[in-house]
Amino acid sequence: MDDVVQGLSNIDAIEALYEVTGEFDLVALVEASDIESFRDTLKNKIIKINGVKSTVTSIVLSAHKGPKCTT
């Protein structure tokens, strides 16, 4: 886990990284200008970290509260 956290922490596109309980071990918030940029970060950086077994992706469609909220 420490190696994965260190690897993810070195990726500029990752805005926040949380260790969580439940189905997953970590939640990373990735900021990307478009889907191609996100795909590049996922495919060429995150997946290549030793210890990353799988990922699940959710895309934010709208922000209602929080630091990135524009409304």
C-alpha atoms as a PDB file:
ATOM      1  CA  MET A   1       0.000   0.000   0.000  1.00  0.00           C
ATOM      2  CA  ASP A   2       2.804   2.434   0.863  1.00  0.00           C
ATOM      3  CA  ASP A   3       4.341   2.018  -2.611  1.00  0.00           C
ATOM      4  CA  VAL A   4       0.999   2.698  -4.283  1.00  0.00           C
ATOM      5  CA  VAL A   5       0.380   5.777  -2.133  1.00  0.00           C
ATOM      6  CA  GLN A   6       3.869   7.082  -2.928  1.00  0.00           C
ATOM      7  CA  GLY A   7       3.420   6.442  -6.656  1.00  0.00           C
ATOM      8  CA  LEU A   8       0.024   8.122  -6.770  1.00  0.00           C
ATOM      9  CA  SER A   9       1.293  11.066  -4.728  1.00  0.00           C
ATOM     10  CA  ASN A  10       3.873  11.764  -7.437  1.00  0.00           C
ATOM     11  CA  ILE A  11       1.241  12.195 -10.180  1.00  0.00           C
ATOM     12  CA  ASP A  12       0.470  15.896 -10.702  1.00  0.00           C
ATOM     13  CA  ALA A  13      -3.072  15.225 -11.983  1.00  0.00           C
ATOM     14  CA  ILE A  14      -4.086  13.664  -8.658  1.00  0.00           C
ATOM     15  CA  GLU A  15      -5.727  16.429  -6.630  1.00  0.00           C
ATOM     16  CA  ALA A  16      -6.459  14.372  -3.512  1.00  0.00           C
ATOM     17  CA  LEU A  17      -5.744  10.872  -2.248  1.00  0.00           C
ATOM     18  CA  TYR A  18      -7.652   9.113   0.536  1.00  0.00           C
ATOM     19  CA  GLU A  19      -7.227   5.738   2.259  1.00  0.00           C
ATOM     20  CA  VAL A  20     -10.753   4.418   2.796  1.00  0.00           C
ATOM     21  CA  THR A  21     -12.706   1.545   4.301  1.00  0.00           C
ATOM     22  CA  GLY A  22     -15.051  -0.688   2.355  1.00  0.00           C
ATOM     23  CA  GLU A  23     -14.728  -2.212  -1.081  1.00  0.00           C
ATOM     24  CA  PHE A  24     -11.687  -0.156  -2.122  1.00  0.00           C
ATOM     25  CA  ASP A  25      -8.388   0.717  -0.441  1.00  0.00           C
ATOM     26  CA  LEU A  26      -7.785   4.163  -1.925  1.00  0.00           C
ATOM     27  CA  VAL A  27      -9.773   6.926  -3.590  1.00  0.00           C
ATOM     28  CA  ALA A  28      -7.866   9.325  -5.840  1.00  0.00           C
ATOM     29  CA  LEU A  29      -9.406  12.486  -7.255  1.00  0.00           C
ATOM     30  CA  VAL A  30      -7.920  13.111 -10.682  1.00  0.00           C
ATOM     31  CA  GLU A  31      -8.305  16.396 -12.532  1.00  0.00           C
ATOM     32  CA  ALA A  32      -8.082  16.324 -16.324  1.00  0.00           C
ATOM     33  CA  SER A  33      -8.926  18.854 -19.025  1.00  0.00           C
ATOM     34  CA  ASP A  34     -10.590  16.212 -21.209  1.00  0.00           C
ATOM     35  CA  ILE A  35     -11.231  12.471 -21.432  1.00  0.00           C
ATOM     36  CA  GLU A  36      -8.072  11.865 -23.479  1.00  0.00           C
ATOM     37  CA  SER A  37      -5.929  13.479 -20.786  1.00  0.00           C
ATOM     38  CA  PHE A  38      -7.661  11.399 -18.127  1.00  0.00           C
ATOM     39  CA  ARG A  39      -7.155   8.222 -20.168  1.00  0.00           C
ATOM     40  CA  ASP A  40      -3.443   9.028 -20.515  1.00  0.00           C
ATOM     41  CA  THR A  41      -3.069   9.526 -16.746  1.00  0.00           C
ATOM     42  CA  LEU A  42      -4.917   6.298 -16.016  1.00  0.00           C
ATOM     43  CA  LYS A  43      -3.242   4.150 -18.690  1.00  0.00           C
ATOM     44  CA  ASN A  44       0.303   5.493 -18.599  1.00  0.00           C
ATOM     45  CA  LYS A  45       0.718   6.482 -14.952  1.00  0.00           C
ATOM     46  CA  ILE A  46      -1.772   5.003 -12.480  1.00  0.00           C
ATOM     47  CA  ILE A  47      -2.071   1.475 -13.922  1.00  0.00           C
ATOM     48  CA  LYS A  48       1.726   1.191 -14.211  1.00  0.00           C
ATOM     49  CA  ILE A  49       2.325   1.696 -10.468  1.00  0.00           C
ATOM     50  CA  ASN A  50       3.562  -1.535  -8.928  1.00  0.00           C
ATOM     51  CA  GLY A  51       0.811  -2.793  -6.622  1.00  0.00           C
ATOM     52  CA  VAL A  52      -2.183  -1.308  -8.475  1.00  0.00           C
ATOM     53  CA  LYS A  53      -4.369  -4.332  -9.194  1.00  0.00           C
ATOM     54  CA  SER A  54      -7.436  -2.619 -10.652  1.00  0.00           C
ATOM     55  CA  THR A  55      -9.253   0.698 -10.874  1.00  0.00           C
ATOM     56  CA  VAL A  56     -12.869   1.837 -10.894  1.00  0.00           C
ATOM     57  CA  THR A  57     -13.655   5.168 -12.538  1.00  0.00           C
ATOM     58  CA  SER A  58     -16.472   7.606 -11.814  1.00  0.00           C
ATOM     59  CA  ILE A  59     -16.744  10.905 -13.680  1.00  0.00           C
ATOM     60  CA  VAL A  60     -18.066  13.992 -11.855  1.00  0.00           C
ATOM     61  CA  LEU A  61     -20.923  15.387 -13.923  1.00  0.00           C
ATOM     62  CA  SER A  62     -21.775  18.347 -11.729  1.00  0.00           C
ATOM     63  CA  ALA A  63     -20.489  19.845  -8.474  1.00  0.00           C
ATOM     64  CA  HIS A  64     -23.044  21.141  -5.985  1.00  0.00           C
ATOM     65  CA  LYS A  65     -20.750  21.818  -3.039  1.00  0.00           C
ATOM     66  CA  GLY A  66     -17.005  21.855  -2.544  1.00  0.00           C
ATOM     67  CA  PRO A  67     -13.833  23.644  -3.604  1.00  0.00           C
ATOM     68  CA  LYS A  68     -14.391  23.024  -7.331  1.00  0.00           C
ATOM     69  CA  CYS A  69     -18.046  24.092  -7.252  1.00  0.00           C
ATOM     70  CA  THR A  70     -18.799  27.012  -9.587  1.00  0.00           C
ATOM     71  CA  THR A  71     -22.459  27.554  -8.686  1.00  0.00           C
END
